[in-house]
Amino acid sequence: MCLLIFIGTNGETYFNTVALVSCVQNFPKSRGPIVGILKGFAGLSGAILTQIYALIKSPDQASLIFMVAVGPTMVAIALMFIVRPVGGHRQLRLSDQSSFSLIYCVCLVLAAYLMGVMLVEDLVDLNRTIVQILTSILFVLLVLPIGIPLYLTFSSDSRPPEQEALLSKPQNKEQPGSSHDPNEIIFSEVEDEKPADVDLLPASERQKRILQLQSKLAQAAAEGAVRIKRRRGPHRGEDFDLTQALIKADFWLLFWTLLLGSGSGLTVIDNLGQMSESLGYDNTHIFVSMISIWNFLGRVGGGYVSEIVVRDHAYPRPVALAVAQGLMSIGHLFFAMGWPGAMYIGTLLIGLGYGAHWAIIPAAASELFGVKKFGALYNFLTLANPAGSLVFSGLIASYIYDSEAEKQAKERGELIVNSASLLTKLFDTDDALKCTGSICFFLTFMIMSGLCIIALILSLILVRRTKTVYQNLYGKTRA
């Protein structure tokens, strides 16, 4: 089983890497929406496959394993020749905003539909015909986004010639420091010599001042008055490989914010059943379904909101990450207090915040460290996820829960301590210890809340360090 799980989870990583890297390279100017939509559907895929299985289920549960093994493999073989970087476009097309808006609408409808279907199927015993109708509607929602590229392909002939020329015209303004930038050699000098008040100017005036400074430095270098510094590696916003990124503080800030944020979120997901039981809820699976939907909406919403932050305000994308971690900190407090209805509010906040991490951090990493080696960078960052789960859920949460369960068992007279200091249950040695009440997870989620606050502070430090980078990347787009 360990070998099969190892192979299966590594296969999932290949799916994620191929789809994410290809689409980020194809849509470099829409990284937030792209990552949010892809990671959102990855989070929702379990619910989709469950609904498909409900249509073809049989008494033999091996059919589920067979479907999961064969279905994705057939899809991968069929599509592997067309899922690849194809050059993309360097500027935002006129149709991009409306296209992404339509996909966002489909995502919201799909999430609401799946939530409703899961609740209905759980409460009511539906016949096979109704299940077939519900699954058919699901398939229609899934294929709707395919209509966007088909429509744009067939409508391209009807565009006015001047509009077509505008869309196909290469972008003249490259990112500072890119291989096509004629002033690349003096970019580091501009950063060193640039007055502090330049970043406070309007975008158009700021670009004018920077160009003037570049011209002066170029002239001084030509006359020998200024010695051009030798570059010792790429600057932020250019293409890094993994070894170059590992020596950058910004990369480790991203890593630790992901470890603290996603690790605390996984602690909730891993222990959701025990949490709801300890607080007296009977239908624990409802919260599992709810956090899956909120996780999906957090991924889609994180990409959408963070794109507004960078596109409309030219502000660092990690600002949206700090907001998500603030929401998670509040959600952990609700879980710790165990107030009436706290499970519903906490599940909402944790699901949204946890999902937002997976839309914001990959997009931010591609902006700060480039897309050329994005696969290696992204997969190294995802190591933070299992590391956080191992420490926070596997060690901290489980230890505190077991300790509280033992205390309650002693108070009920269910445990004695023998001469070997081993705990032995008096009544039923086969039952595991169970803890009831909010005390079971109080300390755990107070710790998780504190960790999210630390992650929020790290995100704000990253915001401060990368303000200039995002101004260079998106400031002239606003101008």
Protein backbone atom coordinates (compact mmCIF):
# COMPACT_ATOMS: atom_id res chain seq x y z
CA MET A 1 0.00 0.00 0.00
CA CYS A 2 2.84 2.40 0.78
CA LEU A 3 4.36 1.74 -2.66
CA LEU A 4 1.01 2.30 -4.41
CA ILE A 5 0.39 5.54 -2.50
CA PHE A 6 3.90 6.71 -3.39
CA ILE A 7 3.32 6.05 -7.10
CA GLY A 8 -0.18 7.57 -7.06
CA THR A 9 0.73 10.79 -5.31
CA ASN A 10 3.75 11.29 -7.57
CA GLY A 11 1.47 10.84 -10.56
CA GLU A 12 -0.74 13.63 -9.23
CA THR A 13 2.32 15.87 -9.02
CA TYR A 14 3.05 15.27 -12.72
CA PHE A 15 -0.53 16.27 -13.62
CA ASN A 16 -0.26 19.46 -11.59
CA THR A 17 3.16 20.43 -12.91
CA VAL A 18 2.42 19.88 -16.60
CA ALA A 19 -0.90 21.74 -16.58
CA LEU A 20 0.23 24.59 -14.35
CA VAL A 21 3.59 25.28 -15.99
CA SER A 22 2.20 25.09 -19.53
CA CYS A 23 -0.68 27.47 -18.83
CA VAL A 24 1.44 29.99 -16.90
CA GLN A 25 3.86 30.11 -19.84
CA ASN A 26 0.99 30.47 -22.32
CA PHE A 27 -0.73 33.27 -20.34
CA PRO A 28 2.11 35.21 -18.65
CA LYS A 29 -0.06 38.30 -18.23
CA SER A 30 -2.92 36.45 -16.50
CA ARG A 31 -1.12 34.31 -13.96
CA GLY A 32 -3.56 34.88 -11.11
CA PRO A 33 -6.71 33.72 -12.93
CA ILE A 34 -4.87 30.84 -14.61
CA VAL A 35 -3.42 29.41 -11.38
CA GLY A 36 -6.65 30.00 -9.44
CA ILE A 37 -8.84 28.21 -11.98
CA LEU A 38 -6.47 25.26 -12.45
CA LYS A 39 -5.86 24.73 -8.73
CA GLY A 40 -9.57 25.22 -8.05
CA PHE A 41 -10.57 22.40 -10.38
CA ALA A 42 -7.81 20.23 -8.90
CA GLY A 43 -9.42 20.71 -5.48
CA LEU A 44 -12.89 20.01 -6.81
CA SER A 45 -11.94 16.95 -8.86
CA GLY A 46 -12.64 14.56 -5.98
CA ALA A 47 -16.26 15.68 -5.76
CA ILE A 48 -16.61 15.45 -9.55
CA LEU A 49 -15.25 11.88 -9.67
CA THR A 50 -17.51 10.93 -6.76
CA GLN A 51 -20.55 12.11 -8.70
CA ILE A 52 -19.43 10.20 -11.79
CA TYR A 53 -18.97 7.07 -9.68
CA ALA A 54 -22.50 7.50 -8.31
CA LEU A 55 -23.71 7.06 -11.89
CA ILE A 56 -21.83 3.83 -12.62
CA LYS A 57 -21.49 2.34 -9.14
CA SER A 58 -22.00 -1.35 -8.51
CA PRO A 59 -21.93 -3.46 -5.33
CA ASP A 60 -18.28 -4.25 -6.03
CA GLN A 61 -16.23 -1.37 -4.62
CA ALA A 62 -13.30 -2.42 -6.78
CA SER A 63 -15.09 -0.65 -9.65
CA LEU A 64 -14.28 2.69 -7.98
CA ILE A 65 -10.57 1.84 -7.89
CA PHE A 66 -10.74 0.70 -11.50
CA MET A 67 -12.44 3.94 -12.59
CA VAL A 68 -9.88 6.12 -10.80
CA ALA A 69 -7.00 4.10 -12.27
CA VAL A 70 -8.21 3.95 -15.87
CA GLY A 71 -10.18 7.21 -16.32
CA PRO A 72 -7.44 9.81 -15.70
CA THR A 73 -4.94 7.67 -17.62
CA MET A 74 -7.16 7.67 -20.71
CA VAL A 75 -7.61 11.45 -20.46
CA ALA A 76 -3.85 11.98 -20.12
CA ILE A 77 -3.05 9.81 -23.14
CA ALA A 78 -5.68 11.58 -25.23
CA LEU A 79 -4.58 15.13 -24.35
CA MET A 80 -0.84 14.86 -23.72
CA PHE A 81 0.01 16.01 -27.25
CA ILE A 82 -1.88 19.31 -26.95
CA VAL A 83 -1.08 20.28 -23.33
CA ARG A 84 2.17 22.19 -23.88
CA PRO A 85 3.56 25.74 -24.06
CA VAL A 86 2.61 27.23 -27.43
CA GLY A 87 4.11 30.70 -27.13
CA GLY A 88 1.09 32.43 -25.70
CA HIS A 89 0.70 36.18 -25.94
CA ARG A 90 2.71 38.83 -24.13
CA GLN A 91 -0.06 41.42 -23.86
CA LEU A 92 -3.59 41.24 -22.53
CA ARG A 93 -6.03 40.57 -25.33
CA LEU A 94 -9.31 42.40 -25.55
CA SER A 95 -11.22 39.16 -25.03
CA ASP A 96 -9.29 38.00 -21.93
CA GLN A 97 -11.36 39.78 -19.31
CA SER A 98 -14.71 38.56 -20.61
CA SER A 99 -13.35 35.02 -21.12
CA PHE A 100 -12.04 34.72 -17.57
CA SER A 101 -15.24 36.26 -16.21
CA LEU A 102 -17.25 33.57 -17.96
CA ILE A 103 -15.03 30.82 -16.55
CA TYR A 104 -15.36 32.32 -13.05
CA CYS A 105 -19.15 32.22 -13.42
CA VAL A 106 -18.99 28.57 -14.49
CA CYS A 107 -16.79 27.83 -11.44
CA LEU A 108 -19.28 29.40 -9.04
CA VAL A 109 -22.24 27.61 -10.61
CA LEU A 110 -20.35 24.31 -10.58
CA ALA A 111 -19.41 24.66 -6.90
CA ALA A 112 -22.97 25.53 -5.89
CA TYR A 113 -24.37 22.70 -8.01
CA LEU A 114 -22.04 20.08 -6.54
CA MET A 115 -22.79 21.24 -3.01
CA GLY A 116 -26.53 20.94 -3.66
CA VAL A 117 -26.23 17.54 -5.34
CA MET A 118 -24.10 16.09 -2.52
CA LEU A 119 -26.57 17.27 0.12
CA VAL A 120 -29.58 15.93 -1.79
CA GLU A 121 -27.96 12.54 -2.43
CA ASP A 122 -27.01 12.32 1.24
CA LEU A 123 -30.49 13.13 2.55
CA VAL A 124 -32.64 11.42 -0.09
CA ASP A 125 -32.35 8.00 -1.73
CA LEU A 126 -32.45 8.94 -5.42
CA ASN A 127 -33.24 6.49 -8.19
CA ARG A 128 -30.82 5.83 -11.02
CA THR A 129 -32.65 8.01 -13.58
CA ILE A 130 -32.38 11.13 -11.43
CA VAL A 131 -28.70 10.43 -10.77
CA GLN A 132 -28.14 10.17 -14.52
CA ILE A 133 -29.84 13.53 -15.09
CA LEU A 134 -27.79 15.20 -12.35
CA THR A 135 -24.54 13.79 -13.75
CA SER A 136 -25.47 14.90 -17.28
CA ILE A 137 -25.92 18.46 -16.04
CA LEU A 138 -22.49 18.18 -14.39
CA PHE A 139 -20.90 17.20 -17.70
CA VAL A 140 -22.54 20.16 -19.42
CA LEU A 141 -21.05 22.56 -16.85
CA LEU A 142 -17.63 20.96 -17.23
CA VAL A 143 -17.49 21.37 -21.02
CA LEU A 144 -18.89 24.91 -21.13
CA PRO A 145 -15.44 26.60 -20.91
CA ILE A 146 -14.35 24.73 -24.07
CA GLY A 147 -16.75 26.98 -25.96
CA ILE A 148 -14.53 30.02 -25.28
CA PRO A 149 -11.54 29.04 -27.47
CA LEU A 150 -13.91 27.63 -30.10
CA TYR A 151 -15.81 30.92 -30.25
CA LEU A 152 -12.62 33.01 -30.39
CA THR A 153 -11.20 30.79 -33.13
CA PHE A 154 -14.22 30.99 -35.41
CA SER A 155 -14.86 34.70 -34.69
CA SER A 156 -11.29 35.78 -35.44
CA ASP A 157 -12.14 36.19 -39.13
CA SER A 158 -14.77 38.79 -38.27
CA ARG A 159 -12.40 41.12 -36.40
CA PRO A 160 -11.57 44.44 -38.00
CA PRO A 161 -8.08 44.44 -39.58
CA GLU A 162 -6.82 47.16 -37.24
CA GLN A 163 -8.01 45.18 -34.20
CA GLU A 164 -6.35 42.00 -35.46
CA ALA A 165 -3.12 43.90 -35.96
CA LEU A 166 -3.36 45.28 -32.44
CA LEU A 167 -3.86 41.83 -30.95
CA SER A 168 -1.05 40.21 -32.90
CA LYS A 169 1.45 43.04 -32.44
CA PRO A 170 4.33 41.96 -30.20
CA GLN A 171 4.75 43.79 -26.96
CA ASN A 172 7.52 46.35 -27.24
CA LYS A 173 7.96 47.00 -23.56
CA GLU A 174 9.64 44.04 -21.96
CA GLN A 175 10.23 43.51 -18.29
CA PRO A 176 13.27 45.32 -16.96
CA GLY A 177 16.27 43.05 -17.03
CA SER A 178 14.82 40.65 -19.59
CA SER A 179 16.91 39.35 -22.44
CA HIS A 180 15.23 41.78 -24.87
CA ASP A 181 15.76 44.89 -22.77
CA PRO A 182 18.46 47.09 -24.33
CA ASN A 183 19.10 48.71 -20.94
CA GLU A 184 19.55 45.39 -19.12
CA ILE A 185 23.22 46.05 -18.41
CA ILE A 186 22.45 49.08 -16.27
CA PHE A 187 19.30 47.87 -14.50
CA SER A 188 21.17 47.21 -11.26
CA GLU A 189 22.73 50.69 -11.45
CA VAL A 190 19.29 52.24 -11.85
CA GLU A 191 18.13 50.49 -8.69
CA ASP A 192 21.19 51.73 -6.79
CA GLU A 193 21.05 55.33 -8.02
CA LYS A 194 17.29 55.81 -8.11
CA PRO A 195 16.08 58.34 -5.50
CA ALA A 196 13.66 56.99 -2.91
CA ASP A 197 10.90 59.42 -3.88
CA VAL A 198 10.73 58.06 -7.46
CA ASP A 199 8.54 55.12 -6.41
CA LEU A 200 6.00 57.56 -4.97
CA LEU A 201 5.44 59.32 -8.30
CA PRO A 202 2.60 58.47 -10.71
CA ALA A 203 3.38 55.57 -13.05
CA SER A 204 3.94 57.70 -16.16
CA GLU A 205 6.20 60.19 -14.36
CA ARG A 206 8.07 57.39 -12.62
CA GLN A 207 8.88 55.69 -15.93
CA LYS A 208 10.05 59.01 -17.40
CA ARG A 209 12.42 59.60 -14.47
CA ILE A 210 13.82 56.06 -14.69
CA LEU A 211 14.43 56.40 -18.43
CA GLN A 212 16.27 59.70 -17.83
CA LEU A 213 18.43 58.04 -15.19
CA GLN A 214 19.17 55.13 -17.52
CA SER A 215 20.23 57.54 -20.25
CA LYS A 216 22.58 59.42 -17.89
CA LEU A 217 24.13 56.19 -16.64
CA ALA A 218 24.60 54.89 -20.17
CA GLN A 219 26.32 58.12 -21.21
CA ALA A 220 28.52 58.12 -18.10
CA ALA A 221 29.46 54.50 -18.72
CA ALA A 222 30.39 55.30 -22.32
CA GLU A 223 32.68 58.11 -21.10
CA GLY A 224 34.26 55.89 -18.47
CA ALA A 225 32.89 57.88 -15.54
CA VAL A 226 30.88 54.96 -14.23
CA ARG A 227 32.05 51.40 -14.16
CA ILE A 228 29.27 48.97 -14.95
CA LYS A 229 28.88 46.28 -12.32
CA ARG A 230 29.17 42.67 -13.33
CA ARG A 231 25.94 40.85 -12.76
CA ARG A 232 26.22 37.96 -10.32
CA GLY A 233 22.96 36.28 -11.21
CA PRO A 234 19.46 37.23 -12.26
CA HIS A 235 17.44 39.97 -10.62
CA ARG A 236 13.96 39.47 -9.20
CA GLY A 237 11.51 39.22 -12.05
CA GLU A 238 13.97 37.43 -14.32
CA ASP A 239 14.39 33.68 -14.87
CA PHE A 240 15.99 31.82 -11.95
CA ASP A 241 16.92 28.18 -11.72
CA LEU A 242 16.39 26.33 -8.43
CA THR A 243 19.93 26.75 -7.11
CA GLN A 244 19.82 30.50 -7.76
CA ALA A 245 16.41 30.82 -6.07
CA LEU A 246 17.50 28.87 -2.98
CA ILE A 247 19.94 31.62 -1.97
CA LYS A 248 17.27 34.34 -2.15
CA ALA A 249 15.45 35.49 0.98
CA ASP A 250 12.26 36.12 -1.00
CA PHE A 251 12.08 32.45 -2.00
CA TRP A 252 12.37 31.28 1.60
CA LEU A 253 9.78 33.82 2.71
CA LEU A 254 7.38 32.25 0.21
CA PHE A 255 8.32 28.77 1.44
CA TRP A 256 7.76 29.52 5.12
CA THR A 257 4.49 31.37 4.55
CA LEU A 258 3.24 28.35 2.61
CA LEU A 259 4.47 25.95 5.30
CA LEU A 260 2.77 27.85 8.12
CA GLY A 261 -0.42 28.68 6.21
CA SER A 262 -1.06 25.40 4.40
CA GLY A 263 0.23 23.32 7.31
CA SER A 264 -2.26 24.88 9.71
CA GLY A 265 -5.01 24.49 7.11
CA LEU A 266 -4.23 20.80 6.62
CA THR A 267 -4.41 20.34 10.39
CA VAL A 268 -8.07 21.32 10.18
CA ILE A 269 -8.75 19.14 7.13
CA ASP A 270 -7.02 16.09 8.65
CA ASN A 271 -8.85 16.37 11.98
CA LEU A 272 -12.23 17.66 10.82
CA GLY A 273 -14.04 14.43 11.68
CA GLN A 274 -12.70 14.27 15.25
CA MET A 275 -13.30 17.99 15.74
CA SER A 276 -16.96 17.79 14.78
CA GLU A 277 -17.47 14.66 16.91
CA SER A 278 -15.87 16.27 19.95
CA LEU A 279 -18.26 19.25 19.61
CA GLY A 280 -21.30 16.98 19.39
CA TYR A 281 -22.10 17.08 15.66
CA ASP A 282 -23.53 13.87 14.18
CA ASN A 283 -23.17 14.48 10.43
CA THR A 284 -19.44 15.04 10.25
CA HIS A 285 -19.31 14.44 6.49
CA ILE A 286 -21.22 17.69 5.90
CA PHE A 287 -18.22 19.70 7.10
CA VAL A 288 -15.90 17.65 4.88
CA SER A 289 -18.04 18.51 1.86
CA MET A 290 -18.29 22.16 2.90
CA ILE A 291 -14.55 22.66 3.36
CA SER A 292 -13.97 21.10 -0.08
CA ILE A 293 -16.28 23.68 -1.67
CA TRP A 294 -14.79 26.59 0.30
CA ASN A 295 -11.31 25.36 -0.62
CA PHE A 296 -12.32 25.45 -4.29
CA LEU A 297 -13.78 28.95 -4.00
CA GLY A 298 -10.67 30.10 -2.11
CA ARG A 299 -8.44 28.95 -4.96
CA VAL A 300 -10.54 30.60 -7.63
CA GLY A 301 -11.13 33.73 -5.56
CA GLY A 302 -7.48 33.99 -4.52
CA GLY A 303 -6.41 34.13 -8.15
CA TYR A 304 -9.10 36.67 -9.00
CA VAL A 305 -8.48 39.03 -6.07
CA SER A 306 -4.70 38.87 -6.29
CA GLU A 307 -4.90 39.72 -9.99
CA ILE A 308 -6.90 42.85 -9.15
CA VAL A 309 -4.20 43.79 -6.62
CA VAL A 310 -1.36 43.58 -9.14
CA ARG A 311 -3.21 44.58 -12.31
CA ASP A 312 -5.22 47.57 -11.07
CA HIS A 313 -2.94 48.82 -8.30
CA ALA A 314 0.54 47.47 -9.24
CA TYR A 315 0.89 46.28 -5.65
CA PRO A 316 2.66 43.04 -4.61
CA ARG A 317 0.54 39.91 -4.92
CA PRO A 318 1.51 38.65 -1.40
CA VAL A 319 -0.85 41.33 0.01
CA ALA A 320 -3.72 39.01 -0.88
CA LEU A 321 -1.80 36.18 0.81
CA ALA A 322 -1.58 38.21 4.03
CA VAL A 323 -5.35 38.77 3.95
CA ALA A 324 -5.93 35.03 3.53
CA GLN A 325 -3.69 34.25 6.49
CA GLY A 326 -5.54 36.81 8.59
CA LEU A 327 -8.82 35.06 7.78
CA MET A 328 -7.30 31.71 8.72
CA SER A 329 -6.10 33.08 12.04
CA ILE A 330 -9.67 34.14 12.88
CA GLY A 331 -11.00 30.76 11.71
CA HIS A 332 -8.63 28.91 14.04
CA LEU A 333 -9.87 31.07 16.93
CA PHE A 334 -13.45 30.01 16.19
CA PHE A 335 -12.41 26.35 16.27
CA ALA A 336 -10.50 26.86 19.53
CA MET A 337 -13.42 28.51 21.32
CA GLY A 338 -16.00 25.97 20.17
CA TRP A 339 -18.85 28.50 20.16
CA PRO A 340 -22.27 27.51 18.73
CA GLY A 341 -21.99 27.52 14.96
CA ALA A 342 -18.19 27.86 15.17
CA MET A 343 -17.70 24.80 12.95
CA TYR A 344 -19.58 26.45 10.09
CA ILE A 345 -17.76 29.79 10.33
CA GLY A 346 -14.37 28.21 10.97
CA THR A 347 -14.78 25.82 8.03
CA LEU A 348 -15.64 28.76 5.77
CA LEU A 349 -12.65 30.88 6.80
CA ILE A 350 -10.11 28.05 6.82
CA GLY A 351 -11.31 26.66 3.49
CA LEU A 352 -11.12 30.05 1.76
CA GLY A 353 -7.73 30.94 3.27
CA TYR A 354 -6.13 27.54 2.66
CA GLY A 355 -7.33 27.45 -0.94
CA ALA A 356 -6.08 30.99 -1.61
CA HIS A 357 -2.51 29.89 -0.83
CA TRP A 358 -2.49 27.57 -3.83
CA ALA A 359 -3.57 30.31 -6.22
CA ILE A 360 -1.39 33.15 -4.92
CA ILE A 361 1.98 31.54 -4.15
CA PRO A 362 2.55 29.82 -7.53
CA ALA A 363 1.63 33.04 -9.36
CA ALA A 364 3.91 35.12 -7.10
CA ALA A 365 6.79 32.64 -7.55
CA SER A 366 6.48 32.86 -11.35
CA GLU A 367 6.57 36.67 -11.18
CA LEU A 368 9.55 36.91 -8.86
CA PHE A 369 11.63 34.02 -10.24
CA GLY A 370 10.44 33.62 -13.84
CA VAL A 371 8.72 30.84 -15.73
CA LYS A 372 11.68 29.17 -17.44
CA LYS A 373 12.35 26.83 -14.48
CA PHE A 374 8.94 27.27 -12.90
CA GLY A 375 8.29 23.52 -12.61
CA ALA A 376 11.28 22.94 -10.35
CA LEU A 377 10.58 26.08 -8.28
CA TYR A 378 6.90 25.25 -7.83
CA ASN A 379 7.47 21.64 -6.80
CA PHE A 380 10.13 22.64 -4.28
CA LEU A 381 7.69 25.10 -2.71
CA THR A 382 5.04 22.38 -2.45
CA LEU A 383 7.37 20.45 -0.12
CA ALA A 384 6.16 22.91 2.52
CA ASN A 385 2.70 21.33 2.39
CA PRO A 386 3.54 17.79 3.63
CA ALA A 387 6.19 19.19 5.98
CA GLY A 388 3.61 21.42 7.67
CA SER A 389 1.06 18.60 7.84
CA LEU A 390 3.60 16.23 9.40
CA VAL A 391 4.61 18.65 12.15
CA PHE A 392 1.33 20.44 12.91
CA SER A 393 -1.19 17.65 12.37
CA GLY A 394 0.86 14.49 12.87
CA LEU A 395 2.73 15.66 15.96
CA ILE A 396 1.15 18.69 17.64
CA ALA A 397 -2.58 18.09 17.09
CA SER A 398 -2.50 14.33 17.68
CA TYR A 399 -0.39 14.64 20.85
CA ILE A 400 -2.63 17.29 22.41
CA TYR A 401 -5.81 15.36 21.50
CA ASP A 402 -4.48 12.12 23.02
CA SER A 403 -3.39 13.95 26.17
CA GLU A 404 -6.83 15.51 26.68
CA ALA A 405 -8.53 12.16 25.95
CA GLU A 406 -6.42 10.44 28.60
CA LYS A 407 -7.25 13.15 31.15
CA GLN A 408 -10.97 12.74 30.51
CA ALA A 409 -10.67 8.94 30.70
CA LYS A 410 -8.93 9.18 34.07
CA GLU A 411 -11.65 11.46 35.38
CA ARG A 412 -14.29 8.91 34.30
CA GLY A 413 -12.38 6.10 35.97
CA GLU A 414 -11.74 4.32 32.70
CA LEU A 415 -7.95 4.18 33.06
CA ILE A 416 -5.54 2.86 35.65
CA VAL A 417 -1.77 3.13 35.75
CA ASN A 418 -0.07 -0.20 36.42
CA SER A 419 3.37 -0.78 37.88
CA ALA A 420 4.97 -0.49 34.43
CA SER A 421 3.35 2.96 33.97
CA LEU A 422 1.29 1.66 31.05
CA LEU A 423 -2.24 2.98 30.51
CA THR A 424 -4.84 0.21 30.32
CA LYS A 425 -8.51 0.68 29.60
CA LEU A 426 -10.90 -1.00 32.10
CA PHE A 427 -14.06 -1.49 30.11
CA ASP A 428 -13.28 -2.04 26.42
CA THR A 429 -9.68 -2.42 25.33
CA ASP A 430 -10.61 -2.34 21.64
CA ASP A 431 -12.02 1.21 21.61
CA ALA A 432 -9.68 4.11 21.05
CA LEU A 433 -9.65 6.98 23.50
CA LYS A 434 -12.09 9.74 22.61
CA CYS A 435 -12.16 13.34 23.75
CA THR A 436 -15.26 15.51 24.00
CA GLY A 437 -15.66 19.26 24.24
CA SER A 438 -13.80 22.25 22.83
CA ILE A 439 -10.86 21.55 25.17
CA CYS A 440 -9.74 18.74 22.84
CA PHE A 441 -8.45 21.15 20.22
CA PHE A 442 -8.29 24.44 22.15
CA LEU A 443 -4.52 24.55 22.56
CA THR A 444 -3.92 23.14 19.07
CA PHE A 445 -5.86 25.86 17.32
CA MET A 446 -4.53 28.63 19.49
CA ILE A 447 -1.09 27.51 18.28
CA MET A 448 -2.35 27.35 14.68
CA SER A 449 -3.79 30.86 15.00
CA GLY A 450 -0.43 32.15 16.21
CA LEU A 451 1.36 30.43 13.32
CA CYS A 452 -0.98 32.12 10.83
CA ILE A 453 -0.17 35.49 12.39
CA ILE A 454 3.55 34.74 11.94
CA ALA A 455 2.82 33.81 8.31
CA LEU A 456 0.95 37.10 7.89
CA ILE A 457 3.99 39.03 9.17
CA LEU A 458 6.29 37.15 6.79
CA SER A 459 3.95 37.97 3.90
CA LEU A 460 4.03 41.67 4.78
CA ILE A 461 7.84 41.54 4.88
CA LEU A 462 7.75 40.02 1.39
CA VAL A 463 5.37 42.79 0.28
CA ARG A 464 7.81 45.44 1.44
CA ARG A 465 10.75 43.74 -0.25
CA THR A 466 9.01 43.29 -3.63
CA LYS A 467 7.15 46.59 -4.07
CA THR A 468 9.69 47.86 -6.58
CA VAL A 469 9.56 44.61 -8.56
CA TYR A 470 5.79 44.75 -8.95
CA GLN A 471 5.92 48.43 -9.86
CA ASN A 472 8.31 47.54 -12.68
CA LEU A 473 6.21 44.57 -13.77
CA TYR A 474 2.77 46.15 -13.67
CA GLY A 475 3.24 49.90 -13.17
CA LYS A 476 3.64 50.68 -16.86
CA THR A 477 0.63 48.51 -17.66
CA ARG A 478 -1.46 50.88 -15.56
CA ALA A 479 0.18 53.91 -17.15
